[in-house]
Amino acid sequence: MAAKRKPNAAFMKPVQPNEKLAVVVGSKPLPRTELTKKLWQYIKKNGLQDKKVKRNINADAALQAVFGGKKCVNMFEMTKLVNKNVIK
């Protein structure tokens, strides 16, 4: 039987969203895994995933603030930009 993977402690350590990110995910400190989950819930709820190119996220006003003013970012870029909006 395979050993159960232990979650990476760095991912489980709560991070504090800054005021821009708090608009999207809330202002309470939360682990990165939860932060990503909440971000995707927001994107799906508001239909912000590009219909043709699923990797791209079309930002609304709240996400544009998080994405440094960009209207469209891909998923990989999104992770980098979101990391700039957490207080470590």
C-alpha atoms as a PDB file:
ATOM      1  CA  MET A   1       0.000   0.000   0.000  1.00  0.00           C
ATOM      2  CA  ALA A   2       1.365   3.399  -0.963  1.00  0.00           C
ATOM      3  CA  ALA A   3       2.206   5.824   1.815  1.00  0.00           C
ATOM      4  CA  LYS A   4      -0.169   8.771   2.017  1.00  0.00           C
ATOM      5  CA  ARG A   5       1.449  11.967   0.775  1.00  0.00           C
ATOM      6  CA  LYS A   6       2.063  14.498   3.472  1.00  0.00           C
ATOM      7  CA  PRO A   7       0.929  17.992   2.481  1.00  0.00           C
ATOM      8  CA  ASN A   8       3.772  20.435   2.016  1.00  0.00           C
ATOM      9  CA  ALA A   9       4.004  22.510   5.199  1.00  0.00           C
ATOM     10  CA  ALA A  10       4.693  25.685   3.189  1.00  0.00           C
ATOM     11  CA  PHE A  11       1.365  25.296   1.380  1.00  0.00           C
ATOM     12  CA  MET A  12      -0.493  24.701   4.629  1.00  0.00           C
ATOM     13  CA  LYS A  13       0.949  27.732   6.427  1.00  0.00           C
ATOM     14  CA  PRO A  14      -1.685  30.473   6.433  1.00  0.00           C
ATOM     15  CA  VAL A  15      -0.880  33.587   4.432  1.00  0.00           C
ATOM     16  CA  GLN A  16      -2.523  36.967   4.871  1.00  0.00           C
ATOM     17  CA  PRO A  17      -4.185  38.393   1.726  1.00  0.00           C
ATOM     18  CA  ASN A  18      -3.529  42.118   1.228  1.00  0.00           C
ATOM     19  CA  GLU A  19      -6.477  44.523   0.774  1.00  0.00           C
ATOM     20  CA  LYS A  20      -6.646  43.962  -3.025  1.00  0.00           C
ATOM     21  CA  LEU A  21      -6.759  40.181  -2.743  1.00  0.00           C
ATOM     22  CA  ALA A  22      -9.091  40.312   0.282  1.00  0.00           C
ATOM     23  CA  VAL A  23     -11.823  41.707  -2.014  1.00  0.00           C
ATOM     24  CA  VAL A  24     -11.785  38.356  -3.847  1.00  0.00           C
ATOM     25  CA  VAL A  25     -10.930  35.748  -1.180  1.00  0.00           C
ATOM     26  CA  GLY A  26     -11.768  37.448   2.127  1.00  0.00           C
ATOM     27  CA  SER A  27      -9.490  39.066   4.674  1.00  0.00           C
ATOM     28  CA  LYS A  28      -8.771  36.106   6.982  1.00  0.00           C
ATOM     29  CA  PRO A  29      -5.372  34.382   6.799  1.00  0.00           C
ATOM     30  CA  LEU A  30      -5.705  31.079   4.932  1.00  0.00           C
ATOM     31  CA  PRO A  31      -3.433  28.355   3.543  1.00  0.00           C
ATOM     32  CA  ARG A  32      -2.327  28.763  -0.092  1.00  0.00           C
ATOM     33  CA  THR A  33      -4.376  25.703  -1.062  1.00  0.00           C
ATOM     34  CA  GLU A  34      -7.562  27.345   0.248  1.00  0.00           C
ATOM     35  CA  LEU A  35      -6.599  30.676  -1.288  1.00  0.00           C
ATOM     36  CA  THR A  36      -6.292  29.026  -4.721  1.00  0.00           C
ATOM     37  CA  LYS A  37      -9.607  27.220  -4.205  1.00  0.00           C
ATOM     38  CA  LYS A  38     -11.404  30.467  -3.296  1.00  0.00           C
ATOM     39  CA  LEU A  39      -9.822  32.255  -6.248  1.00  0.00           C
ATOM     40  CA  TRP A  40     -11.118  29.592  -8.643  1.00  0.00           C
ATOM     41  CA  GLN A  41     -14.579  29.681  -7.040  1.00  0.00           C
ATOM     42  CA  TYR A  42     -14.631  33.435  -7.691  1.00  0.00           C
ATOM     43  CA  ILE A  43     -13.419  33.015 -11.291  1.00  0.00           C
ATOM     44  CA  LYS A  44     -16.007  30.323 -12.053  1.00  0.00           C
ATOM     45  CA  LYS A  45     -18.875  32.116 -10.259  1.00  0.00           C
ATOM     46  CA  ASN A  46     -18.223  35.269 -12.280  1.00  0.00           C
ATOM     47  CA  GLY A  47     -17.521  33.453 -15.567  1.00  0.00           C
ATOM     48  CA  LEU A  48     -14.026  34.935 -15.887  1.00  0.00           C
ATOM     49  CA  GLN A  49     -12.317  31.934 -17.488  1.00  0.00           C
ATOM     50  CA  ASP A  50     -11.838  32.557 -21.205  1.00  0.00           C
ATOM     51  CA  LYS A  51     -14.312  30.486 -23.266  1.00  0.00           C
ATOM     52  CA  LYS A  52     -11.874  29.746 -26.116  1.00  0.00           C
ATOM     53  CA  VAL A  53      -8.532  29.587 -24.311  1.00  0.00           C
ATOM     54  CA  LYS A  54      -9.311  27.928 -20.973  1.00  0.00           C
ATOM     55  CA  ARG A  55      -5.840  28.769 -19.612  1.00  0.00           C
ATOM     56  CA  ASN A  56      -6.648  32.474 -19.699  1.00  0.00           C
ATOM     57  CA  ILE A  57      -8.474  34.427 -17.010  1.00  0.00           C
ATOM     58  CA  ASN A  58     -10.304  37.605 -18.047  1.00  0.00           C
ATOM     59  CA  ALA A  59     -10.059  39.895 -15.037  1.00  0.00           C
ATOM     60  CA  ASP A  60     -12.952  41.939 -13.679  1.00  0.00           C
ATOM     61  CA  ALA A  61     -12.208  45.130 -11.722  1.00  0.00           C
ATOM     62  CA  ALA A  62     -11.407  43.265  -8.469  1.00  0.00           C
ATOM     63  CA  LEU A  63      -9.021  40.827 -10.155  1.00  0.00           C
ATOM     64  CA  GLN A  64      -7.436  43.543 -12.268  1.00  0.00           C
ATOM     65  CA  ALA A  65      -6.254  45.168  -9.035  1.00  0.00           C
ATOM     66  CA  VAL A  66      -4.682  41.837  -7.996  1.00  0.00           C
ATOM     67  CA  PHE A  67      -3.196  41.263 -11.476  1.00  0.00           C
ATOM     68  CA  GLY A  68      -1.440  44.640 -11.522  1.00  0.00           C
ATOM     69  CA  GLY A  69      -3.929  46.194 -13.961  1.00  0.00           C
ATOM     70  CA  LYS A  70      -3.796  43.396 -16.546  1.00  0.00           C
ATOM     71  CA  LYS A  71      -7.106  42.541 -18.228  1.00  0.00           C
ATOM     72  CA  CYS A  72      -6.125  38.992 -19.161  1.00  0.00           C
ATOM     73  CA  VAL A  73      -3.568  36.608 -17.616  1.00  0.00           C
ATOM     74  CA  ASN A  74      -2.864  32.912 -18.021  1.00  0.00           C
ATOM     75  CA  MET A  75      -3.076  30.494 -15.083  1.00  0.00           C
ATOM     76  CA  PHE A  76       0.690  30.362 -14.554  1.00  0.00           C
ATOM     77  CA  GLU A  77       1.025  34.121 -14.542  1.00  0.00           C
ATOM     78  CA  MET A  78      -1.958  34.333 -12.176  1.00  0.00           C
ATOM     79  CA  THR A  79      -0.150  32.317  -9.484  1.00  0.00           C
ATOM     80  CA  LYS A  80       2.856  34.644  -9.656  1.00  0.00           C
ATOM     81  CA  LEU A  81       0.687  37.776  -9.477  1.00  0.00           C
ATOM     82  CA  VAL A  82      -1.409  36.420  -6.594  1.00  0.00           C
ATOM     83  CA  ASN A  83       1.781  35.687  -4.628  1.00  0.00           C
ATOM     84  CA  LYS A  84       2.628  39.395  -4.791  1.00  0.00           C
ATOM     85  CA  ASN A  85      -0.648  40.086  -2.967  1.00  0.00           C
ATOM     86  CA  VAL A  86      -0.066  37.967   0.119  1.00  0.00           C
ATOM     87  CA  ILE A  87       1.668  39.208   3.228  1.00  0.00           C
ATOM     88  CA  LYS A  88       4.120  36.518   4.265  1.00  0.00           C
END
